[in-house]
Protein backbone atom coordinates (compact mmCIF):
# COMPACT_ATOMS: atom_id res chain seq x y z
CA MET A 1 -16.42 -29.51 46.20
CA LYS A 2 -18.52 -26.59 46.10
CA GLN A 3 -15.58 -24.86 44.00
CA LYS A 4 -15.89 -27.42 41.59
CA ILE A 5 -19.50 -27.13 40.93
CA CYS A 6 -19.65 -23.52 40.89
CA ILE A 7 -16.90 -23.77 37.96
CA ALA A 8 -19.04 -26.60 36.44
CA ILE A 9 -22.39 -24.31 36.07
CA CYS A 10 -20.47 -21.38 35.36
CA THR A 11 -18.95 -23.27 32.24
CA LEU A 12 -22.42 -25.20 31.37
CA SER A 13 -24.05 -21.47 31.51
CA SER A 14 -21.56 -19.79 29.21
CA LEU A 15 -21.86 -22.86 26.69
CA PHE A 16 -25.55 -22.65 26.99
CA ALA A 17 -25.45 -18.58 26.46
CA ALA A 18 -23.17 -19.18 23.44
CA TRP A 19 -25.12 -21.88 21.76
CA THR A 20 -28.34 -19.69 22.05
CA SER A 21 -26.57 -16.79 20.63
CA PHE A 22 -25.49 -18.90 17.74
CA SER A 23 -28.38 -20.74 17.09
CA SER A 24 -30.77 -17.40 16.96
CA GLY A 25 -28.27 -15.77 14.39
CA SER A 26 -27.30 -13.28 15.94
CA VAL A 27 -23.01 -13.98 16.15
CA TYR A 28 -21.40 -12.65 13.11
CA ALA A 29 -17.87 -14.19 12.37
CA GLN A 30 -15.70 -11.34 10.90
CA ASP A 31 -15.64 -12.20 7.01
CA GLY A 32 -12.31 -13.21 5.54
CA LEU A 33 -12.65 -10.95 2.61
CA ASP A 34 -9.50 -8.66 1.80
CA PHE A 35 -11.48 -5.70 1.03
CA ASN A 36 -11.07 -2.60 2.96
CA GLU A 37 -13.59 -0.86 5.12
CA ALA A 38 -14.61 1.68 2.39
CA GLU A 39 -15.45 -1.28 0.04
CA ARG A 40 -17.44 -3.26 2.82
CA MET A 41 -19.75 0.06 3.23
CA MET A 42 -20.85 0.74 -0.30
CA SER A 43 -24.09 -1.02 0.70
CA PHE A 44 -24.57 2.13 3.09
CA ASN A 45 -24.29 5.13 0.78
CA THR A 46 -27.49 7.03 0.86
CA VAL A 47 -25.90 9.99 -0.63
CA GLU A 48 -25.09 10.64 -4.33
CA LEU A 49 -21.26 10.79 -4.92
CA LYS A 50 -21.55 14.20 -6.45
CA ASP A 51 -23.51 15.44 -3.82
CA GLN A 52 -21.27 14.21 -1.33
CA LEU A 53 -18.16 15.52 -2.88
CA TYR A 54 -19.51 18.75 -3.70
CA SER A 55 -21.02 20.10 -0.13
CA GLY A 56 -18.26 17.66 1.67
CA LEU A 57 -15.31 19.24 -0.18
CA ARG A 58 -17.00 22.81 -0.31
CA THR A 59 -16.51 23.38 -3.66
CA PHE A 60 -17.66 26.83 -4.67
CA LEU A 61 -15.49 27.45 -8.15
CA PRO A 62 -16.64 26.08 -11.73
CA GLU A 63 -12.98 24.64 -11.64
CA GLN A 64 -13.50 22.76 -8.66
CA GLN A 65 -16.68 21.23 -9.47
CA ALA A 66 -15.60 20.63 -12.99
CA PHE A 67 -12.75 18.51 -11.41
CA ILE A 68 -15.38 16.55 -9.24
CA ASP A 69 -17.79 16.14 -11.96
CA ASP A 70 -14.75 14.36 -13.99
CA ILE A 71 -14.36 12.19 -10.68
CA VAL A 72 -17.78 11.13 -10.54
CA ALA A 73 -17.88 10.26 -14.35
CA ARG A 74 -14.95 7.94 -13.92
CA VAL A 75 -16.55 6.36 -10.87
CA ASP A 76 -19.84 5.74 -13.25
CA ARG A 77 -17.43 4.42 -15.93
CA GLY A 78 -15.50 2.02 -13.56
CA GLU A 79 -12.06 3.58 -14.13
CA LEU A 80 -11.88 4.88 -10.46
CA PRO A 81 -12.93 2.54 -7.46
CA ARG A 82 -15.42 4.42 -5.35
CA SER A 83 -13.93 3.08 -2.35
CA LEU A 84 -10.81 5.07 -3.39
CA VAL A 85 -12.79 8.36 -3.55
CA ASN A 86 -14.26 8.05 -0.15
CA VAL A 87 -10.87 7.15 1.30
CA VAL A 88 -9.41 10.22 -0.22
CA PHE A 89 -12.66 12.43 0.52
CA VAL A 90 -12.56 11.72 4.48
CA TRP A 91 -8.53 11.66 4.61
CA SER A 92 -8.94 15.22 3.02
CA ARG A 93 -11.45 16.46 5.13
CA LYS A 94 -9.46 14.94 8.28
CA ARG A 95 -6.14 17.18 7.01
CA LYS A 96 -7.84 20.24 6.36
CA PRO A 97 -11.59 20.79 7.56
CA ARG A 98 -12.04 24.09 6.66
CA ILE A 99 -10.30 23.86 2.97
CA PRO A 100 -10.23 20.22 2.07
CA PHE A 101 -10.74 20.35 -1.99
CA PRO A 102 -6.80 21.11 -2.47
CA TYR A 103 -5.88 18.01 -0.48
CA PHE A 104 -8.47 15.97 -2.11
CA GLU A 105 -7.52 17.17 -5.74
CA ILE A 106 -4.16 16.43 -4.78
CA ALA A 107 -4.43 12.82 -3.56
CA MET A 108 -6.77 11.89 -6.25
CA ARG A 109 -4.11 13.08 -8.53
CA LEU A 110 -1.45 11.21 -7.12
CA LEU A 111 -3.57 7.90 -6.35
CA ALA A 112 -5.19 7.69 -9.94
CA GLU A 113 -1.96 8.17 -11.72
CA LYS A 114 -0.71 5.26 -9.77
CA ARG A 115 -3.50 3.24 -11.13
CA GLY A 116 -2.94 4.38 -14.91
CA VAL A 117 -5.61 7.42 -14.77
CA ILE A 118 -4.63 10.61 -15.47
CA LEU A 119 -6.87 13.36 -14.42
CA PRO A 120 -7.01 16.92 -16.28
């Protein structure tokens, strides 16, 4: 008998806890959108894309900075999504932290070409 009462109390308390958290609005369901993580994080960007790429990819040569300027311009025109640039940026920095730019450039050229955008 004590065991049944204990189970009932535990069940009621867990239901009450779930109801109070739901009614307070602290429970968030996973959205059913098919966006990837980079697209969902777009509202959290606090750094300009140009600054992010210049400093994060350690660009010093004018040719490298010209390539980044072209990427930024294409993102601004809507030819390339910023989420794609962010994913390639993170991947290239993980691939080679000391010299990430060559990996970024190669991957961006390949992925942009698949989208029909030819980079100079």
